[in-house]
Amino acid sequence: MQGFQMDLVSEHRLSQMSPVEKVRFIIDEVKSGKILVLEKGLSPEEEASLIEMTMTLIEPDGFSGIEMESYPSEVDTSFIGKILKKNALKSRLTVIGPADQLKTLKKDRNMISALISTNK
């Protein structure tokens, strides 16, 4: 059977990792051809680190890089957030996969539409 593997990664699992461990985990999984769906997206700093590390690993006839899409972040409007006047951004679901297999077709505030190819 031909296909691809998609792993749904819980917020709990990612919260157990340091930022460096998250980046390494994502790159290792994507390099093996997996599509990852993260329940809670990465922080802007973690995304920047992931992109930076990915760029150093791209090879012409090997690893093609990553495709990454996230829902836009939302401002924390919880009662406690309002009391503390804290406008922390809440990251949302993120889809990450090999650039040669995952292509974003459409993205808006509430939906990410992607094409996943089994051909490399």
Protein backbone atom coordinates (compact mmCIF):
# COMPACT_ATOMS: atom_id res chain seq x y z
CA MET A 1 0.00 0.00 0.00
CA GLN A 2 1.36 3.39 -0.98
CA GLY A 3 0.74 6.43 1.13
CA PHE A 4 2.19 8.71 3.73
CA GLN A 5 2.27 8.78 7.50
CA MET A 6 0.59 11.61 9.35
CA ASP A 7 1.26 12.01 13.08
CA LEU A 8 -1.03 14.10 15.29
CA VAL A 9 1.17 15.49 18.07
CA SER A 10 -0.50 16.55 21.31
CA GLU A 11 0.14 19.80 23.12
CA HIS A 12 1.16 17.72 26.14
CA ARG A 13 3.94 15.91 24.25
CA LEU A 14 5.38 19.15 22.90
CA SER A 15 5.19 20.86 26.30
CA GLN A 16 7.52 18.16 27.66
CA MET A 17 10.26 19.26 25.20
CA SER A 18 12.66 22.18 25.21
CA PRO A 19 12.58 24.47 22.15
CA VAL A 20 15.70 22.77 20.74
CA GLU A 21 14.17 19.31 21.27
CA LYS A 22 10.98 20.41 19.48
CA VAL A 23 12.92 21.64 16.45
CA ARG A 24 15.06 18.49 16.32
CA PHE A 25 11.98 16.25 16.70
CA ILE A 26 10.13 18.04 13.88
CA ILE A 27 13.09 17.95 11.50
CA ASP A 28 13.80 14.27 12.18
CA GLU A 29 10.15 13.32 11.61
CA VAL A 30 9.76 15.40 8.44
CA LYS A 31 13.07 14.15 7.01
CA SER A 32 11.68 10.62 7.36
CA GLY A 33 8.73 11.69 5.18
CA LYS A 34 6.06 12.19 7.84
CA ILE A 35 3.42 14.91 7.93
CA LEU A 36 3.01 16.35 11.44
CA VAL A 37 -0.08 18.06 12.80
CA LEU A 38 0.77 19.90 16.01
CA GLU A 39 -2.18 20.47 18.34
CA LYS A 40 -0.54 23.66 19.57
CA GLY A 41 1.70 25.54 17.18
CA LEU A 42 5.22 26.74 17.80
CA SER A 43 6.21 30.10 19.24
CA PRO A 44 7.57 32.66 16.75
CA GLU A 45 11.08 32.01 18.12
CA GLU A 46 10.70 28.23 17.67
CA GLU A 47 9.39 28.72 14.11
CA ALA A 48 12.38 30.93 13.27
CA SER A 49 14.77 28.35 14.72
CA LEU A 50 13.05 25.56 12.76
CA ILE A 51 13.33 27.49 9.49
CA GLU A 52 16.95 28.42 10.16
CA MET A 53 17.98 24.84 10.94
CA THR A 54 16.00 23.47 7.98
CA MET A 55 17.79 25.82 5.58
CA THR A 56 21.16 24.39 6.64
CA LEU A 57 19.98 20.80 5.94
CA ILE A 58 18.57 21.22 2.42
CA GLU A 59 20.38 19.06 -0.17
CA PRO A 60 19.81 19.25 -3.96
CA ASP A 61 19.02 15.54 -4.39
CA GLY A 62 18.00 14.85 -0.79
CA PHE A 63 16.05 16.79 1.83
CA SER A 64 13.94 19.45 0.10
CA GLY A 65 13.00 21.43 3.22
CA ILE A 66 9.66 21.85 4.97
CA GLU A 67 6.24 23.28 4.27
CA MET A 68 4.60 24.76 7.36
CA GLU A 69 1.18 26.36 7.84
CA SER A 70 -0.55 27.49 11.01
CA TYR A 71 -3.83 29.10 11.83
CA PRO A 72 -3.32 32.74 12.78
CA SER A 73 -2.57 33.24 16.47
CA GLU A 74 -5.30 34.47 18.75
CA VAL A 75 -5.07 36.95 21.60
CA ASP A 76 -5.75 35.44 25.02
CA THR A 77 -9.06 36.97 26.07
CA SER A 78 -9.52 34.85 29.18
CA PHE A 79 -10.79 36.41 32.40
CA ILE A 80 -7.34 36.15 34.03
CA GLY A 81 -5.70 37.58 30.91
CA LYS A 82 -8.05 40.57 31.06
CA ILE A 83 -7.42 41.13 34.78
CA LEU A 84 -3.66 40.99 34.31
CA LYS A 85 -4.00 43.03 31.09
CA LYS A 86 -1.95 40.35 29.44
CA ASN A 87 -2.39 40.06 25.69
CA ALA A 88 -0.48 36.85 25.23
CA LEU A 89 -0.83 35.22 21.84
CA LYS A 90 -2.20 31.69 21.78
CA SER A 91 -0.68 29.59 19.04
CA ARG A 92 -2.98 27.25 17.15
CA LEU A 93 -2.83 24.04 15.14
CA THR A 94 0.14 23.73 12.77
CA VAL A 95 0.73 21.38 9.82
CA ILE A 96 4.36 20.58 8.88
CA GLY A 97 5.67 18.24 6.22
CA PRO A 98 8.29 17.70 3.52
CA ALA A 99 8.24 20.54 0.99
CA ASP A 100 8.20 18.07 -1.91
CA GLN A 101 5.06 16.32 -0.58
CA LEU A 102 2.93 18.98 1.14
CA LYS A 103 1.56 21.99 -0.72
CA THR A 104 -0.78 24.56 0.78
CA LEU A 105 -3.72 25.23 -1.54
CA LYS A 106 -5.71 27.65 0.60
CA LYS A 107 -5.44 29.12 4.06
CA ASP A 108 -7.75 31.39 5.95
CA ARG A 109 -8.55 32.10 9.58
CA ASN A 110 -10.38 28.82 10.16
CA MET A 111 -9.19 26.35 7.53
CA ILE A 112 -5.98 25.10 5.96
CA SER A 113 -6.43 23.20 2.70
CA ALA A 114 -3.39 21.21 1.57
CA LEU A 115 -2.46 18.72 -1.13
CA ILE A 116 -0.37 15.78 0.03
CA SER A 117 1.52 13.89 -2.67
CA THR A 118 2.92 10.38 -2.34
CA ASN A 119 5.29 11.09 -5.26
CA LYS A 120 8.66 12.52 -4.36
